[in-house]
């Protein structure tokens, strides 16, 4: 399985938001994250990068 660690990036700072993410849905200026165990989280921002090799994704926030 290929789960992602998702980070927010703002002002040059990168902060982990959630690990074990298996689904990301961009919607109305937010990204909805869903984890492998069914948990979910809404993060304001725009999906800016997904790196499958590194198993990471970045959400650019304001």
N, C-alpha and C. Protein backbone atom coordinates (compact mmCIF):
# COMPACT_ATOMS: atom_id res chain seq x y z
N UNK A 1 0.85 -1.18 0.00
CA UNK A 1 0.00 0.00 0.00
C UNK A 1 0.90 1.23 0.00
N UNK A 2 0.42 2.29 -0.59
CA UNK A 2 1.21 3.51 -0.71
C UNK A 2 0.50 4.65 0.01
N UNK A 3 0.76 4.81 1.30
CA UNK A 3 0.18 5.89 2.06
C UNK A 3 1.11 7.10 2.02
N UNK A 4 0.53 8.27 2.12
CA UNK A 4 1.31 9.50 2.06
C UNK A 4 1.36 10.20 3.42
N UNK A 5 2.43 10.91 3.64
CA UNK A 5 2.51 11.89 4.72
C UNK A 5 2.22 13.23 4.07
N UNK A 6 1.30 14.00 4.64
CA UNK A 6 0.89 15.26 4.03
C UNK A 6 1.36 16.41 4.91
N UNK A 7 1.91 17.43 4.24
CA UNK A 7 2.47 18.60 4.90
C UNK A 7 1.81 19.87 4.39
N UNK A 8 1.70 20.88 5.26
CA UNK A 8 1.34 22.22 4.80
C UNK A 8 2.64 23.00 4.64
N UNK A 9 2.63 23.88 3.65
CA UNK A 9 3.78 24.74 3.39
C UNK A 9 3.28 26.18 3.38
N UNK A 10 3.84 27.00 4.25
CA UNK A 10 3.46 28.41 4.33
C UNK A 10 4.64 29.23 4.83
N UNK A 11 4.93 30.30 4.13
CA UNK A 11 6.01 31.18 4.58
C UNK A 11 7.35 30.49 4.74
N UNK A 12 7.61 29.50 3.90
CA UNK A 12 8.87 28.78 3.97
C UNK A 12 8.93 27.71 5.04
N UNK A 13 7.86 27.56 5.82
CA UNK A 13 7.81 26.53 6.86
C UNK A 13 6.97 25.36 6.39
N UNK A 14 7.42 24.17 6.70
CA UNK A 14 6.73 22.94 6.32
C UNK A 14 6.34 22.20 7.59
N UNK A 15 5.05 21.86 7.70
CA UNK A 15 4.55 21.22 8.91
C UNK A 15 3.69 20.01 8.56
N UNK A 16 3.95 18.87 9.22
CA UNK A 16 3.17 17.68 8.96
C UNK A 16 1.74 17.85 9.46
N UNK A 17 0.80 17.43 8.61
CA UNK A 17 -0.62 17.53 8.95
C UNK A 17 -1.19 16.16 9.29
N UNK A 18 -0.80 15.14 8.51
CA UNK A 18 -1.40 13.81 8.69
C UNK A 18 -0.52 12.75 8.03
N UNK A 19 -0.44 11.60 8.65
CA UNK A 19 0.27 10.45 8.07
C UNK A 19 -0.75 9.38 7.67
N UNK A 20 -0.34 8.46 6.82
CA UNK A 20 -1.19 7.35 6.43
C UNK A 20 -2.35 7.77 5.54
N UNK A 21 -2.17 8.83 4.75
CA UNK A 21 -3.23 9.33 3.88
C UNK A 21 -3.33 8.47 2.63
N UNK A 22 -4.55 8.03 2.31
CA UNK A 22 -4.76 7.19 1.13
C UNK A 22 -5.65 7.86 0.08
N UNK A 23 -6.26 9.00 0.46
CA UNK A 23 -7.12 9.70 -0.49
C UNK A 23 -7.08 11.19 -0.19
N UNK A 24 -6.98 12.02 -1.26
CA UNK A 24 -7.00 13.46 -1.12
C UNK A 24 -7.98 14.02 -2.15
N UNK A 25 -8.89 14.89 -1.68
CA UNK A 25 -9.90 15.46 -2.56
C UNK A 25 -9.85 16.98 -2.45
N UNK A 26 -9.37 17.69 -3.51
CA UNK A 26 -9.39 19.15 -3.47
C UNK A 26 -10.82 19.65 -3.67
N UNK A 27 -11.25 20.61 -2.82
CA UNK A 27 -12.61 21.11 -2.92
C UNK A 27 -12.69 22.52 -2.31
N UNK A 28 -13.07 23.49 -3.12
CA UNK A 28 -13.37 24.86 -2.66
C UNK A 28 -12.27 25.46 -1.79
N UNK A 29 -11.04 25.42 -2.25
CA UNK A 29 -9.94 26.04 -1.51
C UNK A 29 -9.46 25.24 -0.32
N UNK A 30 -9.90 23.98 -0.24
CA UNK A 30 -9.47 23.07 0.84
C UNK A 30 -9.07 21.74 0.22
N UNK A 31 -8.37 20.95 1.00
CA UNK A 31 -8.06 19.58 0.59
C UNK A 31 -8.56 18.67 1.71
N UNK A 32 -9.41 17.73 1.34
CA UNK A 32 -9.93 16.77 2.31
C UNK A 32 -9.03 15.55 2.27
N UNK A 33 -8.49 15.19 3.42
CA UNK A 33 -7.57 14.06 3.55
C UNK A 33 -8.31 12.91 4.23
N UNK A 34 -8.10 11.70 3.71
CA UNK A 34 -8.68 10.52 4.34
C UNK A 34 -7.57 9.53 4.62
N UNK A 35 -7.56 9.03 5.85
CA UNK A 35 -6.51 8.11 6.29
C UNK A 35 -6.88 6.65 6.09
N UNK A 36 -5.90 5.82 6.24
CA UNK A 36 -6.05 4.38 6.04
C UNK A 36 -7.04 3.76 7.02
N UNK A 37 -7.22 4.38 8.19
CA UNK A 37 -8.14 3.85 9.19
C UNK A 37 -9.51 4.54 9.15
N UNK A 38 -9.76 5.36 8.10
CA UNK A 38 -11.05 5.99 7.94
C UNK A 38 -11.17 7.39 8.52
N UNK A 39 -10.13 7.87 9.18
CA UNK A 39 -10.19 9.23 9.72
C UNK A 39 -10.09 10.25 8.58
N UNK A 40 -10.60 11.45 8.80
CA UNK A 40 -10.51 12.48 7.77
C UNK A 40 -10.21 13.83 8.40
N UNK A 41 -9.69 14.72 7.56
CA UNK A 41 -9.32 16.05 8.01
C UNK A 41 -9.43 17.00 6.82
N UNK A 42 -9.94 18.21 7.06
CA UNK A 42 -9.99 19.25 6.04
C UNK A 42 -8.86 20.23 6.29
N UNK A 43 -8.10 20.52 5.24
CA UNK A 43 -6.96 21.43 5.37
C UNK A 43 -7.15 22.56 4.36
N UNK A 44 -7.17 23.82 4.82
CA UNK A 44 -7.28 24.92 3.88
C UNK A 44 -6.01 25.04 3.05
N UNK A 45 -6.17 25.29 1.75
CA UNK A 45 -5.02 25.46 0.88
C UNK A 45 -5.20 24.76 -0.45
N UNK A 46 -4.12 24.74 -1.22
CA UNK A 46 -4.13 24.18 -2.57
C UNK A 46 -3.07 23.08 -2.64
N UNK A 47 -3.45 21.95 -3.18
CA UNK A 47 -2.51 20.85 -3.37
C UNK A 47 -1.43 21.29 -4.34
N UNK A 48 -0.17 21.30 -3.89
CA UNK A 48 0.91 21.82 -4.73
C UNK A 48 1.86 20.76 -5.25
N UNK A 49 1.99 19.63 -4.54
CA UNK A 49 2.91 18.58 -5.01
C UNK A 49 2.55 17.25 -4.38
N UNK A 50 2.65 16.20 -5.21
CA UNK A 50 2.53 14.83 -4.71
C UNK A 50 3.75 14.08 -5.22
N UNK A 51 4.52 13.49 -4.30
CA UNK A 51 5.72 12.73 -4.65
C UNK A 51 5.52 11.30 -4.17
N UNK A 52 5.15 10.42 -5.08
CA UNK A 52 4.86 9.03 -4.72
C UNK A 52 6.13 8.31 -4.25
N UNK A 53 7.25 8.60 -4.87
CA UNK A 53 8.50 7.93 -4.47
C UNK A 53 8.84 8.26 -3.01
N UNK A 54 8.70 9.53 -2.63
CA UNK A 54 8.98 9.94 -1.25
C UNK A 54 7.78 9.70 -0.33
N UNK A 55 6.64 9.34 -0.90
CA UNK A 55 5.39 9.12 -0.16
C UNK A 55 4.99 10.37 0.63
N UNK A 56 5.04 11.53 -0.07
CA UNK A 56 4.71 12.81 0.54
C UNK A 56 3.83 13.64 -0.38
N UNK A 57 3.05 14.53 0.22
CA UNK A 57 2.28 15.51 -0.52
C UNK A 57 2.34 16.83 0.23
N UNK A 58 2.31 17.94 -0.54
CA UNK A 58 2.35 19.27 0.05
C UNK A 58 1.08 20.02 -0.28
N UNK A 59 0.57 20.75 0.71
CA UNK A 59 -0.57 21.64 0.53
C UNK A 59 -0.06 23.04 0.81
N UNK A 60 -0.17 23.91 -0.19
CA UNK A 60 0.26 25.30 -0.04
C UNK A 60 -0.85 26.05 0.67
N UNK A 61 -0.53 26.60 1.84
CA UNK A 61 -1.54 27.35 2.59
C UNK A 61 -1.15 28.82 2.66
N UNK A 62 -2.12 29.64 2.96
CA UNK A 62 -1.87 31.09 2.98
C UNK A 62 -1.38 31.56 4.32
